[in-house]
Amino acid sequence: MGATGGPGGRGLHLADRVWRVSREWRWGKLVVALVATGTLAATATSISLGGFSAAVTDNANVAGSGTLLLQEGVGSTVCLSTGTGTTASAAISTNDNATCPASLFASTNLEPGGTTASATVVLKNPGSLAGSVLSLTPGTCTATDNTSPGGLSNTYFGTDAAGFCGKLDVTIENDTGTTTACVFPTASTSPCPAPSAAGTLAGLVSETLPGLAAGGQATYTVVVGLDSSATNADQGLLATVPLTWTLNQ
């Protein structure tokens, strides 16, 4: 009993407290040590963790432009739309050939109501892209002195230069494959009639025609004749009219 209430008792309590403090301190160290160990383990894990990966690189990715070209053939004369001339290997500087030497009106010696002159025009699309619309656009018809016949014809000319284009009758017909359809002077699904005053070089208008698929082609026939109403004033004259074929997407 003295031990409980006397100095011995206080000593026992003090020792007990020291032991408890020591035990708590040791548990605290253990907790701190465990926390520190866990932190190090977590840090070590994040550094040393590996993983699978997979990759594919596409090296053959390409994107290029196609070509839309127009080739005209009249007899032995062949012209390409590329702005550099008539060869198949021409570079495309522009895609508009304004200097094709093809002549659709081969005759320069026509007579009123007489024999007509004709030309077959073969149009091709040698490009890789389809053209949905083909168009034919005439320029202005002009008349000058005809120095072609030779002899005295080179020095005698008629005076109707202003009206001569209206005296030259013309028809344009689509003869592609099994098609025979008039384009000018009147669009129809039938062949064109003989050239007449119903359609002249002076009255040519722009025409919208079927397009050309890549590698496709079309054939058109152009016929011209001197109208029977021509007079002496129409002798010795030469008409010139540019015709532009255009293929658009």
C-alpha atoms as a PDB file:
ATOM      1  CA  MET A   1       0.000   0.000   0.000  1.00  0.00           C
ATOM      2  CA  GLY A   2       2.905   2.287   0.801  1.00  0.00           C
ATOM      3  CA  ALA A   3       4.230   1.511  -2.623  1.00  0.00           C
ATOM      4  CA  THR A   4       1.078   2.789  -4.176  1.00  0.00           C
ATOM      5  CA  GLY A   5       0.864   6.014  -2.258  1.00  0.00           C
ATOM      6  CA  GLY A   6       4.490   6.570  -1.196  1.00  0.00           C
ATOM      7  CA  PRO A   7       7.591   7.547  -2.978  1.00  0.00           C
ATOM      8  CA  GLY A   8       7.941   4.073  -4.343  1.00  0.00           C
ATOM      9  CA  GLY A   9       4.521   4.364  -5.895  1.00  0.00           C
ATOM     10  CA  ARG A  10       5.451   7.618  -7.563  1.00  0.00           C
ATOM     11  CA  GLY A  11       8.618   6.053  -8.820  1.00  0.00           C
ATOM     12  CA  LEU A  12       6.632   3.230 -10.321  1.00  0.00           C
ATOM     13  CA  HIS A  13       4.283   5.620 -11.997  1.00  0.00           C
ATOM     14  CA  LEU A  14       7.195   7.607 -13.363  1.00  0.00           C
ATOM     15  CA  ALA A  15       8.812   4.501 -14.730  1.00  0.00           C
ATOM     16  CA  ASP A  16       5.542   3.517 -16.263  1.00  0.00           C
ATOM     17  CA  ARG A  17       5.254   6.884 -17.898  1.00  0.00           C
ATOM     18  CA  VAL A  18       8.797   6.665 -19.192  1.00  0.00           C
ATOM     19  CA  TRP A  19       8.051   3.271 -20.655  1.00  0.00           C
ATOM     20  CA  ARG A  20       4.860   4.513 -22.257  1.00  0.00           C
ATOM     21  CA  VAL A  21       6.616   7.582 -23.666  1.00  0.00           C
ATOM     22  CA  SER A  22       9.423   5.403 -24.906  1.00  0.00           C
ATOM     23  CA  ARG A  23       6.962   2.982 -26.479  1.00  0.00           C
ATOM     24  CA  GLU A  24       5.014   5.798 -28.119  1.00  0.00           C
ATOM     25  CA  TRP A  25       8.227   7.308 -29.387  1.00  0.00           C
ATOM     26  CA  ARG A  26       9.273   3.986 -30.834  1.00  0.00           C
ATOM     27  CA  TRP A  27       5.855   3.584 -32.506  1.00  0.00           C
ATOM     28  CA  GLY A  28       6.187   7.093 -33.841  1.00  0.00           C
ATOM     29  CA  LYS A  29       9.594   6.275 -35.308  1.00  0.00           C
ATOM     30  CA  LEU A  30       8.132   3.139 -36.807  1.00  0.00           C
ATOM     31  CA  VAL A  31       5.254   5.043 -38.377  1.00  0.00           C
ATOM     32  CA  VAL A  32       7.613   7.687 -39.721  1.00  0.00           C
ATOM     33  CA  ALA A  33       9.918   4.963 -41.001  1.00  0.00           C
ATOM     34  CA  LEU A  34       7.011   3.172 -42.681  1.00  0.00           C
ATOM     35  CA  VAL A  35       5.756   6.381 -44.244  1.00  0.00           C
ATOM     36  CA  ALA A  36       9.210   7.238 -45.492  1.00  0.00           C
ATOM     37  CA  THR A  37       9.685   3.713 -46.807  1.00  0.00           C
ATOM     38  CA  GLY A  38       6.332   3.887 -48.585  1.00  0.00           C
ATOM     39  CA  THR A  39       7.245   7.212 -50.147  1.00  0.00           C
ATOM     40  CA  LEU A  40      10.556   5.866 -51.338  1.00  0.00           C
ATOM     41  CA  ALA A  41       8.874   2.757 -52.673  1.00  0.00           C
ATOM     42  CA  ALA A  42       6.303   4.834 -54.523  1.00  0.00           C
ATOM     43  CA  THR A  43       9.024   7.055 -55.909  1.00  0.00           C
ATOM     44  CA  ALA A  44      11.132   4.107 -56.933  1.00  0.00           C
ATOM     45  CA  THR A  45       8.106   2.440 -58.572  1.00  0.00           C
ATOM     46  CA  SER A  46       7.210   5.505 -60.667  1.00  0.00           C
ATOM     47  CA  ILE A  47      10.768   5.766 -61.893  1.00  0.00           C
ATOM     48  CA  SER A  48      11.392   2.147 -62.653  1.00  0.00           C
ATOM     49  CA  LEU A  49       7.940   1.155 -64.032  1.00  0.00           C
ATOM     50  CA  GLY A  50       8.096   0.007 -67.676  1.00  0.00           C
ATOM     51  CA  GLY A  51       5.289  -0.460 -70.278  1.00  0.00           C
ATOM     52  CA  PHE A  52       4.529  -1.774 -73.741  1.00  0.00           C
ATOM     53  CA  SER A  53       4.252   0.533 -76.776  1.00  0.00           C
ATOM     54  CA  ALA A  54       3.634   0.044 -80.474  1.00  0.00           C
ATOM     55  CA  ALA A  55       3.950   2.445 -83.436  1.00  0.00           C
ATOM     56  CA  VAL A  56       3.389   2.428 -87.197  1.00  0.00           C
ATOM     57  CA  THR A  57       4.742   5.158 -89.503  1.00  0.00           C
ATOM     58  CA  ASP A  58       3.175   5.630 -92.963  1.00  0.00           C
ATOM     59  CA  ASN A  59       5.918   6.709 -95.367  1.00  0.00           C
ATOM     60  CA  ALA A  60       3.973   6.497 -98.624  1.00  0.00           C
ATOM     61  CA  ASN A  61       1.446   9.319 -98.068  1.00  0.00           C
ATOM     62  CA  VAL A  62       1.043  11.205-101.348  1.00  0.00           C
ATOM     63  CA  ALA A  63      -1.490  13.644-102.807  1.00  0.00           C
ATOM     64  CA  GLY A  64      -1.269  14.847-106.385  1.00  0.00           C
ATOM     65  CA  SER A  65      -3.265  16.709-108.993  1.00  0.00           C
ATOM     66  CA  GLY A  66      -4.877  15.158-112.059  1.00  0.00           C
ATOM     67  CA  THR A  67      -4.992  16.637-115.545  1.00  0.00           C
ATOM     68  CA  LEU A  68      -7.776  17.929-117.739  1.00  0.00           C
ATOM     69  CA  LEU A  69      -6.542  18.194-121.318  1.00  0.00           C
ATOM     70  CA  LEU A  70      -8.078  18.745-124.722  1.00  0.00           C
ATOM     71  CA  GLN A  71      -6.603  17.488-127.967  1.00  0.00           C
ATOM     72  CA  GLU A  72      -7.884  18.507-131.389  1.00  0.00           C
ATOM     73  CA  GLY A  73      -7.126  16.601-134.560  1.00  0.00           C
ATOM     74  CA  VAL A  74      -7.992  17.859-138.025  1.00  0.00           C
ATOM     75  CA  GLY A  75      -6.431  15.636-140.664  1.00  0.00           C
ATOM     76  CA  SER A  76      -2.729  15.411-139.906  1.00  0.00           C
ATOM     77  CA  THR A  77      -2.748  18.474-137.646  1.00  0.00           C
ATOM     78  CA  VAL A  78      -2.959  17.689-133.939  1.00  0.00           C
ATOM     79  CA  CYS A  79      -3.070  20.362-131.246  1.00  0.00           C
ATOM     80  CA  LEU A  80      -3.076  20.076-127.461  1.00  0.00           C
ATOM     81  CA  SER A  81      -4.590  22.530-125.033  1.00  0.00           C
ATOM     82  CA  THR A  82      -1.251  22.926-123.263  1.00  0.00           C
ATOM     83  CA  GLY A  83       0.091  26.331-124.093  1.00  0.00           C
ATOM     84  CA  THR A  84       3.323  25.059-125.620  1.00  0.00           C
ATOM     85  CA  GLY A  85       2.318  23.434-128.879  1.00  0.00           C
ATOM     86  CA  THR A  86       1.356  20.204-130.563  1.00  0.00           C
ATOM     87  CA  THR A  87       3.468  17.448-128.980  1.00  0.00           C
ATOM     88  CA  ALA A  88       2.220  14.922-126.443  1.00  0.00           C
ATOM     89  CA  SER A  89       5.146  15.690-124.141  1.00  0.00           C
ATOM     90  CA  ALA A  90       4.434  19.412-123.910  1.00  0.00           C
ATOM     91  CA  ALA A  91       4.727  20.984-120.485  1.00  0.00           C
ATOM     92  CA  ILE A  92       1.628  22.705-119.142  1.00  0.00           C
ATOM     93  CA  SER A  93       2.530  26.375-118.860  1.00  0.00           C
ATOM     94  CA  THR A  94      -1.055  27.342-119.554  1.00  0.00           C
ATOM     95  CA  ASN A  95      -3.931  25.102-120.606  1.00  0.00           C
ATOM     96  CA  ASP A  96      -5.132  27.230-123.493  1.00  0.00           C
ATOM     97  CA  ASN A  97      -3.639  26.810-126.954  1.00  0.00           C
ATOM     98  CA  ALA A  98      -4.716  29.871-128.938  1.00  0.00           C
ATOM     99  CA  THR A  99      -2.498  29.220-131.948  1.00  0.00           C
ATOM    100  CA  CYS A 100      -3.592  25.860-133.340  1.00  0.00           C
ATOM    101  CA  PRO A 101      -2.903  25.916-137.106  1.00  0.00           C
ATOM    102  CA  ALA A 102      -5.758  23.536-137.996  1.00  0.00           C
ATOM    103  CA  SER A 103      -8.016  24.846-140.770  1.00  0.00           C
ATOM    104  CA  LEU A 104     -11.628  23.643-140.813  1.00  0.00           C
ATOM    105  CA  PHE A 105     -12.404  25.305-144.153  1.00  0.00           C
ATOM    106  CA  ALA A 106      -9.953  23.679-146.467  1.00  0.00           C
ATOM    107  CA  SER A 107     -11.298  25.227-149.673  1.00  0.00           C
ATOM    108  CA  THR A 108     -10.528  28.805-150.695  1.00  0.00           C
ATOM    109  CA  ASN A 109     -12.096  28.471-154.139  1.00  0.00           C
ATOM    110  CA  LEU A 110     -15.832  28.171-153.444  1.00  0.00           C
ATOM    111  CA  GLU A 111     -18.544  29.207-155.893  1.00  0.00           C
ATOM    112  CA  PRO A 112     -22.163  30.263-155.221  1.00  0.00           C
ATOM    113  CA  GLY A 113     -24.340  27.225-154.529  1.00  0.00           C
ATOM    114  CA  GLY A 114     -21.513  24.929-155.589  1.00  0.00           C
ATOM    115  CA  THR A 115     -19.443  22.244-153.913  1.00  0.00           C
ATOM    116  CA  THR A 116     -19.026  22.561-150.164  1.00  0.00           C
ATOM    117  CA  ALA A 117     -15.880  22.076-148.082  1.00  0.00           C
ATOM    118  CA  SER A 118     -15.863  19.966-144.936  1.00  0.00           C
ATOM    119  CA  ALA A 119     -13.573  18.990-142.103  1.00  0.00           C
ATOM    120  CA  THR A 120     -13.737  16.254-139.484  1.00  0.00           C
ATOM    121  CA  VAL A 121     -12.661  17.392-136.030  1.00  0.00           C
ATOM    122  CA  VAL A 122     -11.647  14.713-133.514  1.00  0.00           C
ATOM    123  CA  LEU A 123     -11.559  15.963-129.940  1.00  0.00           C
ATOM    124  CA  LYS A 124      -9.949  13.883-127.193  1.00  0.00           C
ATOM    125  CA  ASN A 125      -9.405  14.177-123.470  1.00  0.00           C
ATOM    126  CA  PRO A 126      -5.993  12.554-122.871  1.00  0.00           C
ATOM    127  CA  GLY A 127      -6.031  13.724-119.249  1.00  0.00           C
ATOM    128  CA  SER A 128      -6.892  11.780-116.104  1.00  0.00           C
ATOM    129  CA  LEU A 129      -9.915  13.886-115.113  1.00  0.00           C
ATOM    130  CA  ALA A 130     -13.326  13.951-116.781  1.00  0.00           C
ATOM    131  CA  GLY A 131     -14.672  17.092-118.398  1.00  0.00           C
ATOM    132  CA  SER A 132     -18.418  17.429-117.874  1.00  0.00           C
ATOM    133  CA  VAL A 133     -19.029  20.163-120.451  1.00  0.00           C
ATOM    134  CA  LEU A 134     -17.495  20.799-123.865  1.00  0.00           C
ATOM    135  CA  SER A 135     -18.237  24.129-125.468  1.00  0.00           C
ATOM    136  CA  LEU A 136     -17.632  25.696-128.876  1.00  0.00           C
ATOM    137  CA  THR A 137     -17.214  29.460-128.967  1.00  0.00           C
ATOM    138  CA  PRO A 138     -16.793  31.407-132.209  1.00  0.00           C
ATOM    139  CA  GLY A 139     -14.771  34.569-132.520  1.00  0.00           C
ATOM    140  CA  THR A 140     -15.566  37.448-134.841  1.00  0.00           C
ATOM    141  CA  CYS A 141     -15.660  36.593-138.530  1.00  0.00           C
ATOM    142  CA  THR A 142     -13.645  38.946-140.718  1.00  0.00           C
ATOM    143  CA  ALA A 143     -13.200  39.119-144.516  1.00  0.00           C
ATOM    144  CA  THR A 144     -10.102  40.152-146.413  1.00  0.00           C
ATOM    145  CA  ASP A 145      -8.795  39.874-149.965  1.00  0.00           C
ATOM    146  CA  ASN A 146      -8.242  36.273-151.044  1.00  0.00           C
ATOM    147  CA  THR A 147      -4.729  35.964-152.433  1.00  0.00           C
ATOM    148  CA  SER A 148      -4.853  32.169-152.442  1.00  0.00           C
ATOM    149  CA  PRO A 149      -6.206  31.178-155.890  1.00  0.00           C
ATOM    150  CA  GLY A 150      -3.190  32.432-157.828  1.00  0.00           C
ATOM    151  CA  GLY A 151      -2.756  34.163-161.161  1.00  0.00           C
ATOM    152  CA  LEU A 152      -4.818  37.250-161.821  1.00  0.00           C
ATOM    153  CA  SER A 153      -7.036  36.249-158.889  1.00  0.00           C
ATOM    154  CA  ASN A 154      -4.339  37.652-156.636  1.00  0.00           C
ATOM    155  CA  THR A 155      -5.081  41.175-157.864  1.00  0.00           C
ATOM    156  CA  TYR A 156      -8.882  41.246-158.295  1.00  0.00           C
ATOM    157  CA  PHE A 157     -11.116  41.295-155.235  1.00  0.00           C
ATOM    158  CA  GLY A 158     -14.794  41.860-154.521  1.00  0.00           C
ATOM    159  CA  THR A 159     -16.053  44.823-152.535  1.00  0.00           C
ATOM    160  CA  ASP A 160     -18.439  43.050-150.137  1.00  0.00           C
ATOM    161  CA  ALA A 161     -15.935  42.441-147.339  1.00  0.00           C
ATOM    162  CA  ALA A 162     -18.461  43.664-144.758  1.00  0.00           C
ATOM    163  CA  GLY A 163     -21.143  41.186-145.835  1.00  0.00           C
ATOM    164  CA  PHE A 164     -19.073  38.248-147.018  1.00  0.00           C
ATOM    165  CA  CYS A 165     -19.228  36.268-143.727  1.00  0.00           C
ATOM    166  CA  GLY A 166     -23.002  36.301-144.049  1.00  0.00           C
ATOM    167  CA  LYS A 167     -22.712  34.653-147.479  1.00  0.00           C
ATOM    168  CA  LEU A 168     -20.842  31.612-146.178  1.00  0.00           C
ATOM    169  CA  ASP A 169     -23.267  28.926-145.029  1.00  0.00           C
ATOM    170  CA  VAL A 170     -22.121  26.466-142.348  1.00  0.00           C
ATOM    171  CA  THR A 171     -23.322  23.412-140.436  1.00  0.00           C
ATOM    172  CA  ILE A 172     -21.788  21.681-137.410  1.00  0.00           C
ATOM    173  CA  GLU A 173     -22.743  18.087-136.667  1.00  0.00           C
ATOM    174  CA  ASN A 174     -21.933  15.706-133.813  1.00  0.00           C
ATOM    175  CA  ASP A 175     -20.862  12.403-135.378  1.00  0.00           C
ATOM    176  CA  THR A 176     -19.497  10.687-132.277  1.00  0.00           C
ATOM    177  CA  GLY A 177     -19.877   6.901-132.402  1.00  0.00           C
ATOM    178  CA  THR A 178     -23.366   6.084-133.642  1.00  0.00           C
ATOM    179  CA  THR A 179     -24.567   9.642-132.969  1.00  0.00           C
ATOM    180  CA  THR A 180     -25.578  11.878-135.846  1.00  0.00           C
ATOM    181  CA  ALA A 181     -26.985  15.036-134.290  1.00  0.00           C
ATOM    182  CA  CYS A 182     -27.042  18.555-135.679  1.00  0.00           C
ATOM    183  CA  VAL A 183     -25.456  21.216-133.478  1.00  0.00           C
ATOM    184  CA  PHE A 184     -25.705  24.285-135.765  1.00  0.00           C
ATOM    185  CA  PRO A 185     -27.740  25.980-137.169  1.00  0.00           C
ATOM    186  CA  THR A 186     -30.399  24.131-135.158  1.00  0.00           C
ATOM    187  CA  ALA A 187     -29.728  21.644-132.376  1.00  0.00           C
ATOM    188  CA  SER A 188     -31.514  18.349-132.988  1.00  0.00           C
ATOM    189  CA  THR A 189     -31.088  14.593-132.742  1.00  0.00           C
ATOM    190  CA  SER A 190     -31.113  14.353-136.527  1.00  0.00           C
ATOM    191  CA  PRO A 191     -28.393  15.001-139.123  1.00  0.00           C
ATOM    192  CA  CYS A 192     -27.863  18.572-140.242  1.00  0.00           C
ATOM    193  CA  PRO A 193     -29.509  19.679-143.489  1.00  0.00           C
ATOM    194  CA  ALA A 194     -27.368  20.983-146.344  1.00  0.00           C
ATOM    195  CA  PRO A 195     -25.721  24.329-145.589  1.00  0.00           C
ATOM    196  CA  SER A 196     -28.051  27.251-146.247  1.00  0.00           C
ATOM    197  CA  ALA A 197     -28.626  30.858-145.320  1.00  0.00           C
ATOM    198  CA  ALA A 198     -30.288  29.567-142.127  1.00  0.00           C
ATOM    199  CA  GLY A 199     -26.811  29.324-140.603  1.00  0.00           C
ATOM    200  CA  THR A 200     -23.805  31.400-141.684  1.00  0.00           C
ATOM    201  CA  LEU A 201     -20.349  32.192-140.354  1.00  0.00           C
ATOM    202  CA  ALA A 202     -21.672  35.599-139.342  1.00  0.00           C
ATOM    203  CA  GLY A 203     -24.416  33.954-137.283  1.00  0.00           C
ATOM    204  CA  LEU A 204     -22.347  31.432-135.365  1.00  0.00           C
ATOM    205  CA  VAL A 205     -23.125  31.318-131.641  1.00  0.00           C
ATOM    206  CA  SER A 206     -21.623  29.520-128.661  1.00  0.00           C
ATOM    207  CA  GLU A 207     -22.706  25.897-128.313  1.00  0.00           C
ATOM    208  CA  THR A 208     -22.787  23.660-125.237  1.00  0.00           C
ATOM    209  CA  LEU A 209     -21.807  20.093-126.092  1.00  0.00           C
ATOM    210  CA  PRO A 210     -21.506  16.771-124.219  1.00  0.00           C
ATOM    211  CA  GLY A 211     -18.420  16.455-122.040  1.00  0.00           C
ATOM    212  CA  LEU A 212     -15.510  14.069-122.447  1.00  0.00           C
ATOM    213  CA  ALA A 213     -14.555  11.378-119.966  1.00  0.00           C
ATOM    214  CA  ALA A 214     -10.892  10.827-119.165  1.00  0.00           C
ATOM    215  CA  GLY A 215      -9.517   9.141-122.283  1.00  0.00           C
ATOM    216  CA  GLY A 216     -12.764   9.836-124.165  1.00  0.00           C
ATOM    217  CA  GLN A 217     -13.202  11.398-127.591  1.00  0.00           C
ATOM    218  CA  ALA A 218     -15.831  13.003-129.809  1.00  0.00           C
ATOM    219  CA  THR A 219     -16.108  13.653-133.542  1.00  0.00           C
ATOM    220  CA  TYR A 220     -17.648  16.741-135.148  1.00  0.00           C
ATOM    221  CA  THR A 221     -18.105  17.530-138.825  1.00  0.00           C
ATOM    222  CA  VAL A 222     -18.022  21.124-140.060  1.00  0.00           C
ATOM    223  CA  VAL A 223     -19.334  21.897-143.556  1.00  0.00           C
ATOM    224  CA  VAL A 224     -19.139  25.296-145.280  1.00  0.00           C
ATOM    225  CA  GLY A 225     -20.346  26.550-148.659  1.00  0.00           C
ATOM    226  CA  LEU A 226     -20.862  29.854-150.488  1.00  0.00           C
ATOM    227  CA  ASP A 227     -24.525  30.784-150.532  1.00  0.00           C
ATOM    228  CA  SER A 228     -26.277  30.955-153.908  1.00  0.00           C
ATOM    229  CA  SER A 229     -27.151  34.587-153.184  1.00  0.00           C
ATOM    230  CA  ALA A 230     -23.483  35.625-153.471  1.00  0.00           C
ATOM    231  CA  THR A 231     -22.795  38.256-156.160  1.00  0.00           C
ATOM    232  CA  ASN A 232     -19.793  39.529-158.064  1.00  0.00           C
ATOM    233  CA  ALA A 233     -19.035  41.720-155.055  1.00  0.00           C
ATOM    234  CA  ASP A 234     -18.291  38.516-153.115  1.00  0.00           C
ATOM    235  CA  GLN A 235     -15.604  37.284-155.507  1.00  0.00           C
ATOM    236  CA  GLY A 236     -12.007  36.983-154.411  1.00  0.00           C
ATOM    237  CA  LEU A 237     -12.668  37.317-150.670  1.00  0.00           C
ATOM    238  CA  LEU A 238     -11.472  35.224-147.752  1.00  0.00           C
ATOM    239  CA  ALA A 239     -13.332  34.807-144.437  1.00  0.00           C
ATOM    240  CA  THR A 240     -11.525  34.023-141.221  1.00  0.00           C
ATOM    241  CA  VAL A 241     -13.276  33.012-137.986  1.00  0.00           C
ATOM    242  CA  PRO A 242     -11.597  31.517-134.899  1.00  0.00           C
ATOM    243  CA  LEU A 243     -13.391  28.641-133.180  1.00  0.00           C
ATOM    244  CA  THR A 244     -12.477  27.739-129.606  1.00  0.00           C
ATOM    245  CA  TRP A 245     -13.239  24.325-128.149  1.00  0.00           C
ATOM    246  CA  THR A 246     -13.210  24.352-124.334  1.00  0.00           C
ATOM    247  CA  LEU A 247     -13.474  21.407-121.943  1.00  0.00           C
ATOM    248  CA  ASN A 248     -14.507  22.199-118.374  1.00  0.00           C
ATOM    249  CA  GLN A 249     -15.038  20.114-115.267  1.00  0.00           C
END
